[in-house]
Structure formats: structure tokens, C-alpha cells
Amino acid sequence: MRPKEYFSWGLSYEVPLHYGLLDKATLMDQRYSNTVSEDSFARESLSIWSGNSKDAWLDSRRLNKHRSLLKCERKAADNLPDGAFYIIGVDVARYGANTAIMVIKVLPGE
């Protein structure tokens, strides 16, 4: 991993459409295709979480029931071990208070 060399950003279709990276006709063909469900289109193109698909390996409701925070850090460590870094992610909600933010400390090992 080289955290200073990569950046990942997940968005809905609007940004790539605006900048010409996605063709609107192709997007509409996908949306109205009989092989793509509304839930699937919402997840993949609109960035809307709609729950598990029927083919999901994990059941998110069951997984969330068993999640627990083992150690909470309120600020970044002053001296990280060599190769360690933080990943920050955010899923911004359009309505209500459903924005999710995560901070993950990565401690690479063998």
C-alpha cells in the first residue's frame, strides 16, 4: 500500500456525467435494462444504500448486530509505526442525519 499515491472517491453518476466520463444514453440504457433492478441501479449509480442483494455473501443486519468498537482513538497518534497510516471515508446523506464517517488506522504487517 502506498497511501500518498492513491485517492479513491465514490460518487453517484452525476459527476462523471457532468465531465463527460459517462454517456447519458448508456446510463439510461442501464437504468431501464431488464437485467438491472431499481435497487441495483440505486446502489451502483446513485450511491444509495438499499440493503443486501439476494446474492450477498453477508447479511448486513446480522453483521451489524455483532459489531463492536474495541478501541476508540479521539485524535491521531503522534508517532505512528513505520508504514502506518489513516484512511478516512465518508458517505454523505442527502437527507436527515444519516451521514456516516469512518476513520481506520492501518498498521501493515506480514
PDB file of N, CA and C in Angstrom:
ATOM      1  N   MET A   1       0.839  -1.191   0.000  1.00  0.00           N
ATOM      2  CA  MET A   1       0.000   0.000   0.000  1.00  0.00           C
ATOM      3  C   MET A   1       0.880   1.250   0.000  1.00  0.00           C
ATOM      4  N   ARG A   2       0.447   2.214  -0.787  1.00  0.00           N
ATOM      5  CA  ARG A   2       1.156   3.491  -0.845  1.00  0.00           C
ATOM      6  C   ARG A   2       0.133   4.613  -0.698  1.00  0.00           C
ATOM      7  N   PRO A   3      -0.260   4.961   0.526  1.00  0.00           N
ATOM      8  CA  PRO A   3      -1.362   5.908   0.740  1.00  0.00           C
ATOM      9  C   PRO A   3      -1.104   7.310   0.195  1.00  0.00           C
ATOM     10  N   LYS A   4       0.149   7.691   0.002  1.00  0.00           N
ATOM     11  CA  LYS A   4       0.419   9.028  -0.530  1.00  0.00           C
ATOM     12  C   LYS A   4       0.261   9.089  -2.046  1.00  0.00           C
ATOM     13  N   GLU A   5       0.074   7.928  -2.688  1.00  0.00           N
ATOM     14  CA  GLU A   5      -0.014   7.879  -4.151  1.00  0.00           C
ATOM     15  C   GLU A   5      -1.419   7.623  -4.680  1.00  0.00           C
ATOM     16  N   TYR A   6      -2.387   7.310  -3.822  1.00  0.00           N
ATOM     17  CA  TYR A   6      -3.718   6.948  -4.292  1.00  0.00           C
ATOM     18  C   TYR A   6      -4.806   7.710  -3.561  1.00  0.00           C
ATOM     19  N   PHE A   7      -5.900   7.911  -4.269  1.00  0.00           N
ATOM     20  CA  PHE A   7      -7.084   8.546  -3.701  1.00  0.00           C
ATOM     21  C   PHE A   7      -8.294   7.867  -4.314  1.00  0.00           C
ATOM     22  N   SER A   8      -9.258   7.512  -3.522  1.00  0.00           N
ATOM     23  CA  SER A   8     -10.466   6.860  -4.015  1.00  0.00           C
ATOM     24  C   SER A   8     -11.676   7.660  -3.551  1.00  0.00           C
ATOM     25  N   TRP A   9     -12.595   7.909  -4.483  1.00  0.00           N
ATOM     26  CA  TRP A   9     -13.756   8.712  -4.154  1.00  0.00           C
ATOM     27  C   TRP A   9     -14.959   8.098  -4.841  1.00  0.00           C
ATOM     28  N   GLY A  10     -15.952   7.690  -4.088  1.00  0.00           N
ATOM     29  CA  GLY A  10     -17.156   7.109  -4.659  1.00  0.00           C
ATOM     30  C   GLY A  10     -18.246   8.156  -4.769  1.00  0.00           C
ATOM     31  N   LEU A  11     -18.872   8.239  -5.920  1.00  0.00           N
ATOM     32  CA  LEU A  11     -19.910   9.237  -6.162  1.00  0.00           C
ATOM     33  C   LEU A  11     -21.066   8.623  -6.941  1.00  0.00           C
ATOM     34  N   SER A  12     -22.131   9.394  -7.059  1.00  0.00           N
ATOM     35  CA  SER A  12     -23.214   8.984  -7.943  1.00  0.00           C
ATOM     36  C   SER A  12     -22.793   9.275  -9.383  1.00  0.00           C
ATOM     37  N   TYR A  13     -23.668   8.980 -10.306  1.00  0.00           N
ATOM     38  CA  TYR A  13     -23.363   9.151 -11.725  1.00  0.00           C
ATOM     39  C   TYR A  13     -23.209  10.617 -12.141  1.00  0.00           C
ATOM     40  N   GLU A  14     -23.664  11.577 -11.317  1.00  0.00           N
ATOM     41  CA  GLU A  14     -23.740  12.978 -11.745  1.00  0.00           C
ATOM     42  C   GLU A  14     -22.380  13.601 -12.090  1.00  0.00           C
ATOM     43  N   VAL A  15     -21.354  13.318 -11.317  1.00  0.00           N
ATOM     44  CA  VAL A  15     -20.040  13.920 -11.583  1.00  0.00           C
ATOM     45  C   VAL A  15     -19.426  13.368 -12.869  1.00  0.00           C
ATOM     46  N   PRO A  16     -19.350  12.032 -13.061  1.00  0.00           N
ATOM     47  CA  PRO A  16     -18.792  11.550 -14.329  1.00  0.00           C
ATOM     48  C   PRO A  16     -19.636  11.970 -15.538  1.00  0.00           C
ATOM     49  N   LEU A  17     -20.952  12.090 -15.364  1.00  0.00           N
ATOM     50  CA  LEU A  17     -21.807  12.546 -16.455  1.00  0.00           C
ATOM     51  C   LEU A  17     -21.481  14.002 -16.802  1.00  0.00           C
ATOM     52  N   HIS A  18     -21.347  14.841 -15.787  1.00  0.00           N
ATOM     53  CA  HIS A  18     -21.038  16.261 -15.984  1.00  0.00           C
ATOM     54  C   HIS A  18     -19.722  16.464 -16.735  1.00  0.00           C
ATOM     55  N   TYR A  19     -18.711  15.663 -16.412  1.00  0.00           N
ATOM     56  CA  TYR A  19     -17.386  15.824 -17.017  1.00  0.00           C
ATOM     57  C   TYR A  19     -17.178  14.957 -18.260  1.00  0.00           C
ATOM     58  N   GLY A  20     -18.237  14.336 -18.751  1.00  0.00           N
ATOM     59  CA  GLY A  20     -18.144  13.584 -19.990  1.00  0.00           C
ATOM     60  C   GLY A  20     -17.475  12.227 -19.874  1.00  0.00           C
ATOM     61  N   LEU A  21     -17.333  11.723 -18.655  1.00  0.00           N
ATOM     62  CA  LEU A  21     -16.732  10.402 -18.458  1.00  0.00           C
ATOM     63  C   LEU A  21     -17.766   9.298 -18.597  1.00  0.00           C
ATOM     64  N   LEU A  22     -19.037   9.684 -18.611  1.00  0.00           N
ATOM     65  CA  LEU A  22     -20.143   8.738 -18.725  1.00  0.00           C
ATOM     66  C   LEU A  22     -21.149   9.323 -19.699  1.00  0.00           C
ATOM     67  N   ASP A  23     -21.630   8.507 -20.612  1.00  0.00           N
ATOM     68  CA  ASP A  23     -22.598   8.923 -21.610  1.00  0.00           C
ATOM     69  C   ASP A  23     -24.017   8.759 -21.054  1.00  0.00           C
ATOM     70  N   LYS A  24     -24.859   9.793 -21.184  1.00  0.00           N
ATOM     71  CA  LYS A  24     -26.203   9.742 -20.618  1.00  0.00           C
ATOM     72  C   LYS A  24     -27.046   8.624 -21.249  1.00  0.00           C
ATOM     73  N   ALA A  25     -26.897   8.401 -22.543  1.00  0.00           N
ATOM     74  CA  ALA A  25     -27.665   7.336 -23.202  1.00  0.00           C
ATOM     75  C   ALA A  25     -27.294   5.968 -22.628  1.00  0.00           C
ATOM     76  N   THR A  26     -26.011   5.748 -22.391  1.00  0.00           N
ATOM     77  CA  THR A  26     -25.554   4.489 -21.801  1.00  0.00           C
ATOM     78  C   THR A  26     -26.130   4.316 -20.400  1.00  0.00           C
ATOM     79  N   LEU A  27     -26.121   5.394 -19.630  1.00  0.00           N
ATOM     80  CA  LEU A  27     -26.670   5.362 -18.272  1.00  0.00           C
ATOM     81  C   LEU A  27     -28.158   5.019 -18.300  1.00  0.00           C
ATOM     82  N   MET A  28     -28.912   5.649 -19.198  1.00  0.00           N
ATOM     83  CA  MET A  28     -30.352   5.386 -19.279  1.00  0.00           C
ATOM     84  C   MET A  28     -30.627   3.966 -19.782  1.00  0.00           C
ATOM     85  N   ASP A  29     -29.805   3.484 -20.714  1.00  0.00           N
ATOM     86  CA  ASP A  29     -29.955   2.090 -21.158  1.00  0.00           C
ATOM     87  C   ASP A  29     -29.786   1.134 -19.983  1.00  0.00           C
ATOM     88  N   GLN A  30     -28.785   1.421 -19.154  1.00  0.00           N
ATOM     89  CA  GLN A  30     -28.544   0.576 -17.978  1.00  0.00           C
ATOM     90  C   GLN A  30     -29.717   0.671 -17.014  1.00  0.00           C
ATOM     91  N   ARG A  31     -30.195   1.886 -16.769  1.00  0.00           N
ATOM     92  CA  ARG A  31     -31.265   2.084 -15.788  1.00  0.00           C
ATOM     93  C   ARG A  31     -32.538   1.337 -16.176  1.00  0.00           C
ATOM     94  N   TYR A  32     -32.859   1.330 -17.451  1.00  0.00           N
ATOM     95  CA  TYR A  32     -34.113   0.724 -17.883  1.00  0.00           C
ATOM     96  C   TYR A  32     -33.938  -0.685 -18.447  1.00  0.00           C
ATOM     97  N   SER A  33     -32.744  -1.237 -18.306  1.00  0.00           N
ATOM     98  CA  SER A  33     -32.499  -2.604 -18.749  1.00  0.00           C
ATOM     99  C   SER A  33     -33.260  -3.581 -17.864  1.00  0.00           C
ATOM    100  N   ASN A  34     -33.750  -4.666 -18.461  1.00  0.00           N
ATOM    101  CA  ASN A  34     -34.459  -5.665 -17.648  1.00  0.00           C
ATOM    102  C   ASN A  34     -33.490  -6.545 -16.856  1.00  0.00           C
ATOM    103  N   THR A  35     -32.188  -6.309 -16.995  1.00  0.00           N
ATOM    104  CA  THR A  35     -31.204  -7.081 -16.227  1.00  0.00           C
ATOM    105  C   THR A  35     -30.705  -6.327 -15.001  1.00  0.00           C
ATOM    106  N   VAL A  36     -31.143  -5.074 -14.830  1.00  0.00           N
ATOM    107  CA  VAL A  36     -30.698  -4.252 -13.687  1.00  0.00           C
ATOM    108  C   VAL A  36     -31.924  -3.857 -12.875  1.00  0.00           C
ATOM    109  N   SER A  37     -31.955  -4.251 -11.615  1.00  0.00           N
ATOM    110  CA  SER A  37     -33.084  -3.889 -10.757  1.00  0.00           C
ATOM    111  C   SER A  37     -32.945  -2.444 -10.292  1.00  0.00           C
ATOM    112  N   GLU A  38     -34.048  -1.868  -9.828  1.00  0.00           N
ATOM    113  CA  GLU A  38     -34.005  -0.496  -9.296  1.00  0.00           C
ATOM    114  C   GLU A  38     -33.046  -0.393  -8.111  1.00  0.00           C
ATOM    115  N   ASP A  39     -33.070  -1.412  -7.227  1.00  0.00           N
ATOM    116  CA  ASP A  39     -32.153  -1.406  -6.080  1.00  0.00           C
ATOM    117  C   ASP A  39     -30.703  -1.442  -6.531  1.00  0.00           C
ATOM    118  N   SER A  40     -30.415  -2.265  -7.524  1.00  0.00           N
ATOM    119  CA  SER A  40     -29.046  -2.367  -8.027  1.00  0.00           C
ATOM    120  C   SER A  40     -28.604  -1.055  -8.662  1.00  0.00           C
ATOM    121  N   PHE A  41     -29.473  -0.439  -9.454  1.00  0.00           N
ATOM    122  CA  PHE A  41     -29.133   0.848 -10.070  1.00  0.00           C
ATOM    123  C   PHE A  41     -28.922   1.908  -8.985  1.00  0.00           C
ATOM    124  N   ALA A  42     -29.763   1.891  -7.963  1.00  0.00           N
ATOM    125  CA  ALA A  42     -29.629   2.861  -6.866  1.00  0.00           C
ATOM    126  C   ALA A  42     -28.281   2.716  -6.170  1.00  0.00           C
ATOM    127  N   ARG A  43     -27.858   1.476  -5.920  1.00  0.00           N
ATOM    128  CA  ARG A  43     -26.567   1.247  -5.256  1.00  0.00           C
ATOM    129  C   ARG A  43     -25.401   1.628  -6.150  1.00  0.00           C
ATOM    130  N   GLU A  44     -25.424   1.151  -7.402  1.00  0.00           N
ATOM    131  CA  GLU A  44     -24.269   1.288  -8.288  1.00  0.00           C
ATOM    132  C   GLU A  44     -24.141   2.669  -8.915  1.00  0.00           C
ATOM    133  N   SER A  45     -25.245   3.317  -9.221  1.00  0.00           N
ATOM    134  CA  SER A  45     -25.174   4.578  -9.959  1.00  0.00           C
ATOM    135  C   SER A  45     -25.611   5.795  -9.157  1.00  0.00           C
ATOM    136  N   LEU A  46     -26.455   5.600  -8.166  1.00  0.00           N
ATOM    137  CA  LEU A  46     -26.940   6.724  -7.373  1.00  0.00           C
ATOM    138  C   LEU A  46     -26.283   6.798  -5.995  1.00  0.00           C
ATOM    139  N   SER A  47     -25.461   5.810  -5.658  1.00  0.00           N
ATOM    140  CA  SER A  47     -24.802   5.746  -4.349  1.00  0.00           C
ATOM    141  C   SER A  47     -25.803   5.746  -3.204  1.00  0.00           C
ATOM    142  N   ILE A  48     -26.896   5.023  -3.393  1.00  0.00           N
ATOM    143  CA  ILE A  48     -27.933   4.906  -2.353  1.00  0.00           C
ATOM    144  C   ILE A  48     -27.888   3.489  -1.794  1.00  0.00           C
ATOM    145  N   TRP A  49     -27.670   3.371  -0.499  1.00  0.00           N
ATOM    146  CA  TRP A  49     -27.651   2.062   0.151  1.00  0.00           C
ATOM    147  C   TRP A  49     -29.080   1.573   0.271  1.00  0.00           C
ATOM    148  N   SER A  50     -29.336   0.388  -0.224  1.00  0.00           N
ATOM    149  CA  SER A  50     -30.701  -0.144  -0.200  1.00  0.00           C
ATOM    150  C   SER A  50     -30.772  -1.513   0.457  1.00  0.00           C
ATOM    151  N   GLY A  51     -29.743  -1.876   1.194  1.00  0.00           N
ATOM    152  CA  GLY A  51     -29.741  -3.170   1.855  1.00  0.00           C
ATOM    153  C   GLY A  51     -29.012  -4.209   1.036  1.00  0.00           C
ATOM    154  N   ASN A  52     -29.102  -5.438   1.471  1.00  0.00           N
ATOM    155  CA  ASN A  52     -28.416  -6.536   0.796  1.00  0.00           C
ATOM    156  C   ASN A  52     -29.136  -6.961  -0.471  1.00  0.00           C
ATOM    157  N   SER A  53     -28.362  -7.411  -1.427  1.00  0.00           N
ATOM    158  CA  SER A  53     -28.976  -8.067  -2.575  1.00  0.00           C
ATOM    159  C   SER A  53     -29.237  -9.516  -2.176  1.00  0.00           C
ATOM    160  N   LYS A  54     -30.074 -10.195  -2.926  1.00  0.00           N
ATOM    161  CA  LYS A  54     -30.381 -11.588  -2.585  1.00  0.00           C
ATOM    162  C   LYS A  54     -29.170 -12.493  -2.732  1.00  0.00           C
ATOM    163  N   ASP A  55     -28.155 -12.034  -3.504  1.00  0.00           N
ATOM    164  CA  ASP A  55     -26.953 -12.838  -3.726  1.00  0.00           C
ATOM    165  C   ASP A  55     -25.793 -12.457  -2.803  1.00  0.00           C
ATOM    166  N   ALA A  56     -26.033 -11.574  -1.839  1.00  0.00           N
ATOM    167  CA  ALA A  56     -24.958 -11.110  -0.957  1.00  0.00           C
ATOM    168  C   ALA A  56     -24.396 -12.253  -0.122  1.00  0.00           C
ATOM    169  N   TRP A  57     -23.095 -12.244   0.065  1.00  0.00           N
ATOM    170  CA  TRP A  57     -22.446 -13.260   0.898  1.00  0.00           C
ATOM    171  C   TRP A  57     -22.733 -13.019   2.372  1.00  0.00           C
ATOM    172  N   LEU A  58     -22.855 -11.758   2.749  1.00  0.00           N
ATOM    173  CA  LEU A  58     -23.078 -11.405   4.149  1.00  0.00           C
ATOM    174  C   LEU A  58     -24.429 -10.728   4.313  1.00  0.00           C
ATOM    175  N   ASP A  59     -25.070 -10.974   5.418  1.00  0.00           N
ATOM    176  CA  ASP A  59     -26.311 -10.293   5.760  1.00  0.00           C
ATOM    177  C   ASP A  59     -25.936  -9.115   6.655  1.00  0.00           C
ATOM    178  N   SER A  60     -26.098  -7.894   6.155  1.00  0.00           N
ATOM    179  CA  SER A  60     -25.649  -6.714   6.907  1.00  0.00           C
ATOM    180  C   SER A  60     -26.377  -6.561   8.236  1.00  0.00           C
ATOM    181  N   ARG A  61     -27.643  -6.930   8.301  1.00  0.00           N
ATOM    182  CA  ARG A  61     -28.372  -6.830   9.579  1.00  0.00           C
ATOM    183  C   ARG A  61     -27.735  -7.732  10.631  1.00  0.00           C
ATOM    184  N   ARG A  62     -27.397  -8.938  10.233  1.00  0.00           N
ATOM    185  CA  ARG A  62     -26.763  -9.883  11.167  1.00  0.00           C
ATOM    186  C   ARG A  62     -25.368  -9.402  11.551  1.00  0.00           C
ATOM    187  N   LEU A  63     -24.622  -8.908  10.565  1.00  0.00           N
ATOM    188  CA  LEU A  63     -23.277  -8.408  10.822  1.00  0.00           C
ATOM    189  C   LEU A  63     -23.305  -7.204  11.769  1.00  0.00           C
ATOM    190  N   ASN A  64     -24.189  -6.241  11.518  1.00  0.00           N
ATOM    191  CA  ASN A  64     -24.269  -5.042  12.357  1.00  0.00           C
ATOM    192  C   ASN A  64     -24.642  -5.363  13.800  1.00  0.00           C
ATOM    193  N   LYS A  65     -25.408  -6.411  13.998  1.00  0.00           N
ATOM    194  CA  LYS A  65     -25.811  -6.806  15.347  1.00  0.00           C
ATOM    195  C   LYS A  65     -24.600  -7.211  16.195  1.00  0.00           C
ATOM    196  N   HIS A  66     -23.540  -7.683  15.548  1.00  0.00           N
ATOM    197  CA  HIS A  66     -22.365  -8.182  16.265  1.00  0.00           C
ATOM    198  C   HIS A  66     -21.168  -7.237  16.223  1.00  0.00           C
ATOM    199  N   ARG A  67     -21.343  -6.056  15.643  1.00  0.00           N
ATOM    200  CA  ARG A  67     -20.231  -5.109  15.566  1.00  0.00           C
ATOM    201  C   ARG A  67     -20.014  -4.450  16.921  1.00  0.00           C
ATOM    202  N   SER A  68     -18.769  -4.219  17.249  1.00  0.00           N
ATOM    203  CA  SER A  68     -18.456  -3.502  18.487  1.00  0.00           C
ATOM    204  C   SER A  68     -17.152  -2.747  18.285  1.00  0.00           C
ATOM    205  N   LEU A  69     -17.033  -1.653  18.981  1.00  0.00           N
ATOM    206  CA  LEU A  69     -15.834  -0.838  18.914  1.00  0.00           C
ATOM    207  C   LEU A  69     -14.900  -1.285  20.030  1.00  0.00           C
ATOM    208  N   LEU A  70     -13.761  -1.865  19.649  1.00  0.00           N
ATOM    209  CA  LEU A  70     -12.832  -2.398  20.642  1.00  0.00           C
ATOM    210  C   LEU A  70     -11.967  -1.310  21.259  1.00  0.00           C
ATOM    211  N   LYS A  71     -11.568  -0.320  20.462  1.00  0.00           N
ATOM    212  CA  LYS A  71     -10.720   0.744  20.968  1.00  0.00           C
ATOM    213  C   LYS A  71     -11.016   2.005  20.172  1.00  0.00           C
ATOM    214  N   CYS A  72     -11.315   3.065  20.870  1.00  0.00           N
ATOM    215  CA  CYS A  72     -11.626   4.321  20.214  1.00  0.00           C
ATOM    216  C   CYS A  72     -10.479   5.306  20.425  1.00  0.00           C
ATOM    217  N   GLU A  73      -9.991   5.878  19.348  1.00  0.00           N
ATOM    218  CA  GLU A  73      -8.960   6.913  19.443  1.00  0.00           C
ATOM    219  C   GLU A  73      -9.604   8.247  19.139  1.00  0.00           C
ATOM    220  N   ARG A  74      -9.438   9.216  20.001  1.00  0.00           N
ATOM    221  CA  ARG A  74     -10.073  10.527  19.832  1.00  0.00           C
ATOM    222  C   ARG A  74      -9.241  11.495  19.001  1.00  0.00           C
ATOM    223  N   LYS A  75      -7.978  11.171  18.752  1.00  0.00           N
ATOM    224  CA  LYS A  75      -7.128  12.011  17.905  1.00  0.00           C
ATOM    225  C   LYS A  75      -6.054  11.129  17.279  1.00  0.00           C
ATOM    226  N   ALA A  76      -5.449  11.653  16.221  1.00  0.00           N
ATOM    227  CA  ALA A  76      -4.403  10.895  15.523  1.00  0.00           C
ATOM    228  C   ALA A  76      -3.219  10.669  16.443  1.00  0.00           C
ATOM    229  N   ALA A  77      -2.615   9.508  16.322  1.00  0.00           N
ATOM    230  CA  ALA A  77      -1.423   9.203  17.119  1.00  0.00           C
ATOM    231  C   ALA A  77      -0.279  10.119  16.695  1.00  0.00           C
ATOM    232  N   ASP A  78       0.498  10.566  17.656  1.00  0.00           N
ATOM    233  CA  ASP A  78       1.632  11.453  17.373  1.00  0.00           C
ATOM    234  C   ASP A  78       2.778  10.717  16.687  1.00  0.00           C
ATOM    235  N   ASN A  79       2.969   9.488  17.043  1.00  0.00           N
ATOM    236  CA  ASN A  79       4.084   8.724  16.451  1.00  0.00           C
ATOM    237  C   ASN A  79       3.585   7.358  15.981  1.00  0.00           C
ATOM    238  N   LEU A  80       3.242   7.290  14.705  1.00  0.00           N
ATOM    239  CA  LEU A  80       2.787   6.030  14.119  1.00  0.00           C
ATOM    240  C   LEU A  80       3.985   5.144  13.798  1.00  0.00           C
ATOM    241  N   PRO A  81       3.812   3.838  13.886  1.00  0.00           N
ATOM    242  CA  PRO A  81       4.886   2.933  13.470  1.00  0.00           C
ATOM    243  C   PRO A  81       5.184   3.118  11.973  1.00  0.00           C
ATOM    244  N   ASP A  82       6.349   2.701  11.534  1.00  0.00           N
ATOM    245  CA  ASP A  82       6.719   2.816  10.127  1.00  0.00           C
ATOM    246  C   ASP A  82       5.674   2.144   9.243  1.00  0.00           C
ATOM    247  N   GLY A  83       5.273   2.852   8.188  1.00  0.00           N
ATOM    248  CA  GLY A  83       4.320   2.308   7.226  1.00  0.00           C
ATOM    249  C   GLY A  83       2.865   2.450   7.628  1.00  0.00           C
ATOM    250  N   ALA A  84       2.571   2.899   8.846  1.00  0.00           N
ATOM    251  CA  ALA A  84       1.188   3.039   9.304  1.00  0.00           C
ATOM    252  C   ALA A  84       0.591   4.326   8.744  1.00  0.00           C
ATOM    253  N   PHE A  85      -0.723   4.308   8.531  1.00  0.00           N
ATOM    254  CA  PHE A  85      -1.413   5.492   8.027  1.00  0.00           C
ATOM    255  C   PHE A  85      -2.897   5.390   8.366  1.00  0.00           C
ATOM    256  N   TYR A  86      -3.621   6.466   8.123  1.00  0.00           N
ATOM    257  CA  TYR A  86      -5.057   6.504   8.360  1.00  0.00           C
ATOM    258  C   TYR A  86      -5.805   6.554   7.037  1.00  0.00           C
ATOM    259  N   ILE A  87      -6.965   5.909   6.987  1.00  0.00           N
ATOM    260  CA  ILE A  87      -7.899   6.015   5.873  1.00  0.00           C
ATOM    261  C   ILE A  87      -9.138   6.704   6.424  1.00  0.00           C
ATOM    262  N   ILE A  88      -9.591   7.737   5.739  1.00  0.00           N
ATOM    263  CA  ILE A  88     -10.794   8.453   6.155  1.00  0.00           C
ATOM    264  C   ILE A  88     -11.839   8.288   5.063  1.00  0.00           C
ATOM    265  N   GLY A  89     -13.033   7.882   5.440  1.00  0.00           N
ATOM    266  CA  GLY A  89     -14.117   7.703   4.484  1.00  0.00           C
ATOM    267  C   GLY A  89     -15.375   8.375   4.981  1.00  0.00           C
ATOM    268  N   VAL A  90     -16.189   8.854   4.054  1.00  0.00           N
ATOM    269  CA  VAL A  90     -17.460   9.475   4.428  1.00  0.00           C
ATOM    270  C   VAL A  90     -18.512   9.127   3.379  1.00  0.00           C
ATOM    271  N   ASP A  91     -19.687   8.812   3.846  1.00  0.00           N
ATOM    272  CA  ASP A  91     -20.840   8.571   2.989  1.00  0.00           C
ATOM    273  C   ASP A  91     -21.841   9.657   3.351  1.00  0.00           C
ATOM    274  N   VAL A  92     -21.933  10.687   2.502  1.00  0.00           N
ATOM    275  CA  VAL A  92     -22.743  11.862   2.811  1.00  0.00           C
ATOM    276  C   VAL A  92     -24.205  11.587   2.485  1.00  0.00           C
ATOM    277  N   ALA A  93     -25.064  11.793   3.482  1.00  0.00           N
ATOM    278  CA  ALA A  93     -26.500  11.600   3.293  1.00  0.00           C
ATOM    279  C   ALA A  93     -27.098  12.844   2.663  1.00  0.00           C
ATOM    280  N   ARG A  94     -28.042  12.637   1.774  1.00  0.00           N
ATOM    281  CA  ARG A  94     -28.724  13.783   1.165  1.00  0.00           C
ATOM    282  C   ARG A  94     -29.775  14.355   2.101  1.00  0.00           C
ATOM    283  N   TYR A  95     -30.398  13.509   2.897  1.00  0.00           N
ATOM    284  CA  TYR A  95     -31.477  13.954   3.778  1.00  0.00           C
ATOM    285  C   TYR A  95     -31.250  13.410   5.180  1.00  0.00           C
ATOM    286  N   GLY A  96     -31.651  14.166   6.177  1.00  0.00           N
ATOM    287  CA  GLY A  96     -31.571  13.690   7.549  1.00  0.00           C
ATOM    288  C   GLY A  96     -30.150  13.633   8.071  1.00  0.00           C
ATOM    289  N   ALA A  97     -29.990  12.919   9.140  1.00  0.00           N
ATOM    290  CA  ALA A  97     -28.685  12.821   9.801  1.00  0.00           C
ATOM    291  C   ALA A  97     -28.096  11.439   9.596  1.00  0.00           C
ATOM    292  N   ASN A  98     -28.050  10.966   8.365  1.00  0.00           N
ATOM    293  CA  ASN A  98     -27.571   9.623   8.090  1.00  0.00           C
ATOM    294  C   ASN A  98     -26.178   9.582   7.490  1.00  0.00           C
ATOM    295  N   THR A  99     -25.433  10.687   7.561  1.00  0.00           N
ATOM    296  CA  THR A  99     -24.065  10.692   7.061  1.00  0.00           C
ATOM    297  C   THR A  99     -23.209   9.803   7.958  1.00  0.00           C
ATOM    298  N   ALA A 100     -22.402   8.960   7.328  1.00  0.00           N
ATOM    299  CA  ALA A 100     -21.524   8.058   8.072  1.00  0.00           C
ATOM    300  C   ALA A 100     -20.076   8.432   7.797  1.00  0.00           C
ATOM    301  N   ILE A 101     -19.274   8.502   8.848  1.00  0.00           N
ATOM    302  CA  ILE A 101     -17.854   8.819   8.725  1.00  0.00           C
ATOM    303  C   ILE A 101     -17.071   7.699   9.386  1.00  0.00           C
ATOM    304  N   MET A 102     -16.001   7.266   8.718  1.00  0.00           N
ATOM    305  CA  MET A 102     -15.165   6.248   9.340  1.00  0.00           C
ATOM    306  C   MET A 102     -13.708   6.662   9.220  1.00  0.00           C
ATOM    307  N   VAL A 103     -12.962   6.350  10.247  1.00  0.00           N
ATOM    308  CA  VAL A 103     -11.520   6.563  10.266  1.00  0.00           C
ATOM    309  C   VAL A 103     -10.898   5.229  10.640  1.00  0.00           C
ATOM    310  N   ILE A 104     -10.010   4.756   9.787  1.00  0.00           N
ATOM    311  CA  ILE A 104      -9.387   3.456  10.020  1.00  0.00           C
ATOM    312  C   ILE A 104      -7.884   3.652  10.117  1.00  0.00           C
ATOM    313  N   LYS A 105      -7.301   3.163  11.191  1.00  0.00           N
ATOM    314  CA  LYS A 105      -5.845   3.183  11.317  1.00  0.00           C
ATOM    315  C   LYS A 105      -5.310   1.886  10.734  1.00  0.00           C
ATOM    316  N   VAL A 106      -4.415   2.001   9.778  1.00  0.00           N
ATOM    317  CA  VAL A 106      -3.857   0.837   9.101  1.00  0.00           C
ATOM    318  C   VAL A 106      -2.452   0.604   9.639  1.00  0.00           C
ATOM    319  N   LEU A 107      -2.225  -0.576  10.184  1.00  0.00           N
ATOM    320  CA  LEU A 107      -0.915  -0.976  10.687  1.00  0.00           C
ATOM    321  C   LEU A 107      -0.453  -2.170   9.863  1.00  0.00           C
ATOM    322  N   PRO A 108       0.231  -1.921   8.747  1.00  0.00           N
ATOM    323  CA  PRO A 108       0.636  -3.016   7.853  1.00  0.00           C
ATOM    324  C   PRO A 108       1.498  -4.044   8.584  1.00  0.00           C
ATOM    325  N   GLY A 109       1.282  -5.278   8.233  1.00  0.00           N
ATOM    326  CA  GLY A 109       2.074  -6.373   8.791  1.00  0.00           C
ATOM    327  C   GLY A 109       2.351  -7.383   7.706  1.00  0.00           C
ATOM    328  N   GLU A 110       2.883  -8.496   8.092  1.00  0.00           N
ATOM    329  CA  GLU A 110       3.204  -9.532   7.097  1.00  0.00           C
ATOM    330  C   GLU A 110       1.948 -10.170   6.550  1.00  0.00           C
TER     331      GLU A 110
END
